[in-house]
Amino acid sequence: MKQQLSSIFETLEGNPSAGDRIERNRWPDQQAYWDLNNLFRIWVNKQARLTYTLIGDPNSNVIVVRVIEFFPSHKEYERRFGYD
């Protein structure tokens, strides 16, 4: 798992929007998601998912990738986002 996460972080470093954008009406009503402007998910492997947001500084070309939540199983991801 550690190697898979490292690979995902390398991917996001090169292409921060590599994940799938999640529509706002699908965001969980959890405190971690309340103040976000955008939300993405990326598959770590067949089961695991990671959600993250992009934060940009308007005075520079720096984009920060902030991990919001890691889901070790697809079932946990489905529960949080209300797909089940």
N, C-alpha and C. Protein backbone atom coordinates (compact mmCIF):
# COMPACT_ATOMS: atom_id res chain seq x y z
N MET A 1 0.83 -1.20 0.00
CA MET A 1 0.00 0.00 0.00
C MET A 1 0.87 1.27 0.00
N LYS A 2 1.95 1.24 0.77
CA LYS A 2 2.82 2.42 0.86
C LYS A 2 3.37 2.78 -0.52
N GLN A 3 3.77 1.78 -1.29
CA GLN A 3 4.31 2.03 -2.63
C GLN A 3 3.21 2.59 -3.56
N GLN A 4 2.00 2.09 -3.43
CA GLN A 4 0.90 2.58 -4.25
C GLN A 4 0.58 4.04 -3.92
N LEU A 5 0.59 4.39 -2.63
CA LEU A 5 0.34 5.78 -2.23
C LEU A 5 1.45 6.69 -2.73
N SER A 6 2.70 6.23 -2.63
CA SER A 6 3.82 7.02 -3.15
C SER A 6 3.65 7.30 -4.64
N SER A 7 3.21 6.30 -5.37
CA SER A 7 2.97 6.46 -6.81
C SER A 7 1.87 7.48 -7.08
N ILE A 8 0.80 7.43 -6.28
CA ILE A 8 -0.29 8.39 -6.43
C ILE A 8 0.20 9.81 -6.16
N PHE A 9 0.99 9.98 -5.10
CA PHE A 9 1.50 11.31 -4.77
C PHE A 9 2.42 11.84 -5.87
N GLU A 10 3.20 10.96 -6.47
CA GLU A 10 4.04 11.38 -7.61
C GLU A 10 3.17 11.82 -8.78
N THR A 11 2.13 11.06 -9.03
CA THR A 11 1.20 11.42 -10.12
C THR A 11 0.59 12.79 -9.86
N LEU A 12 0.13 13.02 -8.63
CA LEU A 12 -0.51 14.30 -8.30
C LEU A 12 0.49 15.46 -8.33
N GLU A 13 1.74 15.18 -8.02
CA GLU A 13 2.76 16.22 -8.09
C GLU A 13 2.93 16.70 -9.53
N GLY A 14 2.87 15.78 -10.47
CA GLY A 14 3.01 16.14 -11.88
C GLY A 14 1.73 16.66 -12.51
N ASN A 15 0.60 16.18 -12.01
CA ASN A 15 -0.70 16.55 -12.57
C ASN A 15 -1.73 16.58 -11.45
N PRO A 16 -1.86 17.71 -10.74
CA PRO A 16 -2.76 17.77 -9.58
C PRO A 16 -4.22 17.43 -9.87
N SER A 17 -4.65 17.62 -11.08
CA SER A 17 -6.06 17.31 -11.39
C SER A 17 -6.21 15.95 -12.06
N ALA A 18 -5.31 15.02 -11.76
CA ALA A 18 -5.35 13.68 -12.36
C ALA A 18 -6.56 12.87 -11.92
N GLY A 19 -7.11 13.19 -10.77
CA GLY A 19 -8.27 12.45 -10.28
C GLY A 19 -9.56 12.91 -10.95
N ASP A 20 -10.64 12.29 -10.53
CA ASP A 20 -11.97 12.64 -11.04
C ASP A 20 -12.58 13.70 -10.13
N ARG A 21 -13.10 14.77 -10.73
CA ARG A 21 -13.78 15.80 -9.94
C ARG A 21 -15.12 15.24 -9.44
N ILE A 22 -15.40 15.48 -8.17
CA ILE A 22 -16.66 15.03 -7.57
C ILE A 22 -17.61 16.22 -7.52
N GLU A 23 -18.80 16.04 -8.06
CA GLU A 23 -19.79 17.12 -8.06
C GLU A 23 -20.17 17.48 -6.63
N ARG A 24 -20.37 18.75 -6.39
CA ARG A 24 -20.62 19.27 -5.04
C ARG A 24 -21.84 18.60 -4.37
N ASN A 25 -22.85 18.31 -5.13
CA ASN A 25 -24.05 17.69 -4.53
C ASN A 25 -23.80 16.25 -4.05
N ARG A 26 -22.64 15.67 -4.37
CA ARG A 26 -22.27 14.33 -3.92
C ARG A 26 -21.34 14.36 -2.71
N TRP A 27 -20.88 15.55 -2.28
CA TRP A 27 -19.95 15.65 -1.16
C TRP A 27 -20.65 15.24 0.13
N PRO A 28 -19.96 14.52 0.99
CA PRO A 28 -20.53 14.16 2.28
C PRO A 28 -20.75 15.39 3.16
N ASP A 29 -21.73 15.32 4.02
CA ASP A 29 -21.97 16.40 4.97
C ASP A 29 -21.13 16.14 6.22
N GLN A 30 -19.83 16.26 6.06
CA GLN A 30 -18.86 16.05 7.12
C GLN A 30 -18.02 17.31 7.25
N GLN A 31 -17.57 17.63 8.42
CA GLN A 31 -16.83 18.87 8.66
C GLN A 31 -15.60 19.00 7.76
N ALA A 32 -14.92 17.93 7.49
CA ALA A 32 -13.71 17.98 6.65
C ALA A 32 -14.00 18.51 5.25
N TYR A 33 -15.25 18.46 4.81
CA TYR A 33 -15.62 18.85 3.45
C TYR A 33 -16.30 20.22 3.37
N TRP A 34 -16.63 20.82 4.50
CA TRP A 34 -17.45 22.03 4.51
C TRP A 34 -16.83 23.23 3.81
N ASP A 35 -15.56 23.49 4.02
CA ASP A 35 -14.95 24.71 3.51
C ASP A 35 -14.16 24.53 2.22
N LEU A 36 -14.42 23.47 1.50
CA LEU A 36 -13.66 23.20 0.27
C LEU A 36 -14.28 23.92 -0.93
N ASN A 37 -13.42 24.23 -1.89
CA ASN A 37 -13.89 24.82 -3.14
C ASN A 37 -13.96 23.79 -4.26
N ASN A 38 -13.24 22.69 -4.10
CA ASN A 38 -13.25 21.63 -5.11
C ASN A 38 -12.91 20.32 -4.41
N LEU A 39 -13.25 19.24 -5.05
CA LEU A 39 -12.98 17.92 -4.48
C LEU A 39 -12.75 16.93 -5.61
N PHE A 40 -11.69 16.14 -5.45
CA PHE A 40 -11.33 15.11 -6.42
C PHE A 40 -11.18 13.78 -5.71
N ARG A 41 -11.31 12.70 -6.47
CA ARG A 41 -11.00 11.37 -5.95
C ARG A 41 -10.04 10.72 -6.94
N ILE A 42 -9.21 9.87 -6.39
CA ILE A 42 -8.30 9.11 -7.25
C ILE A 42 -8.23 7.69 -6.72
N TRP A 43 -8.16 6.75 -7.61
CA TRP A 43 -8.08 5.34 -7.22
C TRP A 43 -6.64 5.03 -6.87
N VAL A 44 -6.43 4.48 -5.69
CA VAL A 44 -5.09 4.07 -5.27
C VAL A 44 -4.82 2.66 -5.81
N ASN A 45 -5.82 1.82 -5.71
CA ASN A 45 -5.79 0.48 -6.30
C ASN A 45 -7.24 0.06 -6.56
N LYS A 46 -7.46 -1.21 -6.82
CA LYS A 46 -8.81 -1.67 -7.15
C LYS A 46 -9.83 -1.35 -6.06
N GLN A 47 -9.41 -1.35 -4.79
CA GLN A 47 -10.32 -1.10 -3.68
C GLN A 47 -10.20 0.29 -3.06
N ALA A 48 -8.99 0.77 -2.90
CA ALA A 48 -8.73 2.00 -2.12
C ALA A 48 -8.96 3.27 -2.94
N ARG A 49 -9.45 4.30 -2.26
CA ARG A 49 -9.69 5.61 -2.86
C ARG A 49 -9.10 6.68 -1.96
N LEU A 50 -8.80 7.82 -2.55
CA LEU A 50 -8.27 8.95 -1.80
C LEU A 50 -9.01 10.19 -2.30
N THR A 51 -9.49 11.03 -1.40
CA THR A 51 -10.11 12.28 -1.80
C THR A 51 -9.15 13.42 -1.46
N TYR A 52 -9.15 14.43 -2.31
CA TYR A 52 -8.25 15.55 -2.10
C TYR A 52 -8.84 16.82 -2.71
N THR A 53 -8.29 17.94 -2.28
CA THR A 53 -8.69 19.24 -2.81
C THR A 53 -7.45 19.97 -3.30
N LEU A 54 -7.65 20.89 -4.22
CA LEU A 54 -6.56 21.70 -4.74
C LEU A 54 -6.70 23.11 -4.20
N ILE A 55 -5.60 23.62 -3.67
CA ILE A 55 -5.58 24.97 -3.13
C ILE A 55 -4.52 25.74 -3.89
N GLY A 56 -4.92 26.84 -4.51
CA GLY A 56 -3.99 27.64 -5.30
C GLY A 56 -3.72 28.98 -4.66
N ASP A 57 -2.52 29.46 -4.83
CA ASP A 57 -2.14 30.79 -4.37
C ASP A 57 -2.23 31.72 -5.57
N PRO A 58 -3.12 32.71 -5.54
CA PRO A 58 -3.29 33.59 -6.70
C PRO A 58 -2.05 34.42 -7.01
N ASN A 59 -1.12 34.53 -6.07
CA ASN A 59 0.09 35.32 -6.29
C ASN A 59 1.27 34.49 -6.78
N SER A 60 1.07 33.21 -6.97
CA SER A 60 2.15 32.36 -7.47
C SER A 60 1.56 31.24 -8.33
N ASN A 61 2.41 30.44 -8.88
CA ASN A 61 1.97 29.29 -9.68
C ASN A 61 1.95 28.01 -8.87
N VAL A 62 1.90 28.13 -7.55
CA VAL A 62 1.94 26.97 -6.67
C VAL A 62 0.52 26.44 -6.43
N ILE A 63 0.37 25.15 -6.61
CA ILE A 63 -0.89 24.48 -6.30
C ILE A 63 -0.59 23.46 -5.20
N VAL A 64 -1.35 23.53 -4.14
CA VAL A 64 -1.18 22.60 -3.01
C VAL A 64 -2.26 21.53 -3.12
N VAL A 65 -1.85 20.29 -3.00
CA VAL A 65 -2.78 19.17 -2.97
C VAL A 65 -2.96 18.79 -1.51
N ARG A 66 -4.17 18.92 -1.01
CA ARG A 66 -4.47 18.58 0.39
C ARG A 66 -5.34 17.33 0.42
N VAL A 67 -4.81 16.28 1.01
CA VAL A 67 -5.56 15.03 1.14
C VAL A 67 -6.63 15.23 2.20
N ILE A 68 -7.85 14.88 1.86
CA ILE A 68 -8.97 15.03 2.78
C ILE A 68 -9.23 13.72 3.51
N GLU A 69 -9.30 12.63 2.75
CA GLU A 69 -9.63 11.35 3.38
C GLU A 69 -9.10 10.20 2.53
N PHE A 70 -8.63 9.16 3.21
CA PHE A 70 -8.18 7.93 2.56
C PHE A 70 -9.16 6.82 2.91
N PHE A 71 -9.59 6.09 1.91
CA PHE A 71 -10.53 4.99 2.10
C PHE A 71 -9.84 3.69 1.68
N PRO A 72 -9.48 2.82 2.64
CA PRO A 72 -8.79 1.58 2.29
C PRO A 72 -9.65 0.58 1.54
N SER A 73 -10.97 0.74 1.62
CA SER A 73 -11.84 -0.16 0.86
C SER A 73 -12.90 0.65 0.12
N HIS A 74 -13.33 0.10 -0.99
CA HIS A 74 -14.36 0.76 -1.79
C HIS A 74 -15.66 0.87 -0.99
N LYS A 75 -15.94 -0.10 -0.15
CA LYS A 75 -17.16 -0.10 0.66
C LYS A 75 -17.20 1.13 1.58
N GLU A 76 -16.06 1.47 2.20
CA GLU A 76 -16.01 2.64 3.06
C GLU A 76 -16.25 3.92 2.26
N TYR A 77 -15.67 3.97 1.07
CA TYR A 77 -15.88 5.12 0.19
C TYR A 77 -17.37 5.24 -0.17
N GLU A 78 -17.99 4.14 -0.56
CA GLU A 78 -19.41 4.14 -0.92
C GLU A 78 -20.29 4.61 0.24
N ARG A 79 -19.98 4.16 1.46
CA ARG A 79 -20.75 4.57 2.62
C ARG A 79 -20.65 6.08 2.86
N ARG A 80 -19.43 6.61 2.82
CA ARG A 80 -19.21 8.03 3.09
C ARG A 80 -19.93 8.91 2.06
N PHE A 81 -19.93 8.49 0.81
CA PHE A 81 -20.52 9.30 -0.25
C PHE A 81 -21.96 8.91 -0.57
N GLY A 82 -22.51 7.99 0.19
CA GLY A 82 -23.93 7.65 0.06
C GLY A 82 -24.28 6.87 -1.18
N TYR A 83 -23.36 6.07 -1.70
CA TYR A 83 -23.64 5.27 -2.90
C TYR A 83 -24.28 3.93 -2.59
N ASP A 84 -24.24 3.53 -1.32
CA ASP A 84 -24.81 2.21 -1.02
C ASP A 84 -26.23 2.31 -0.52
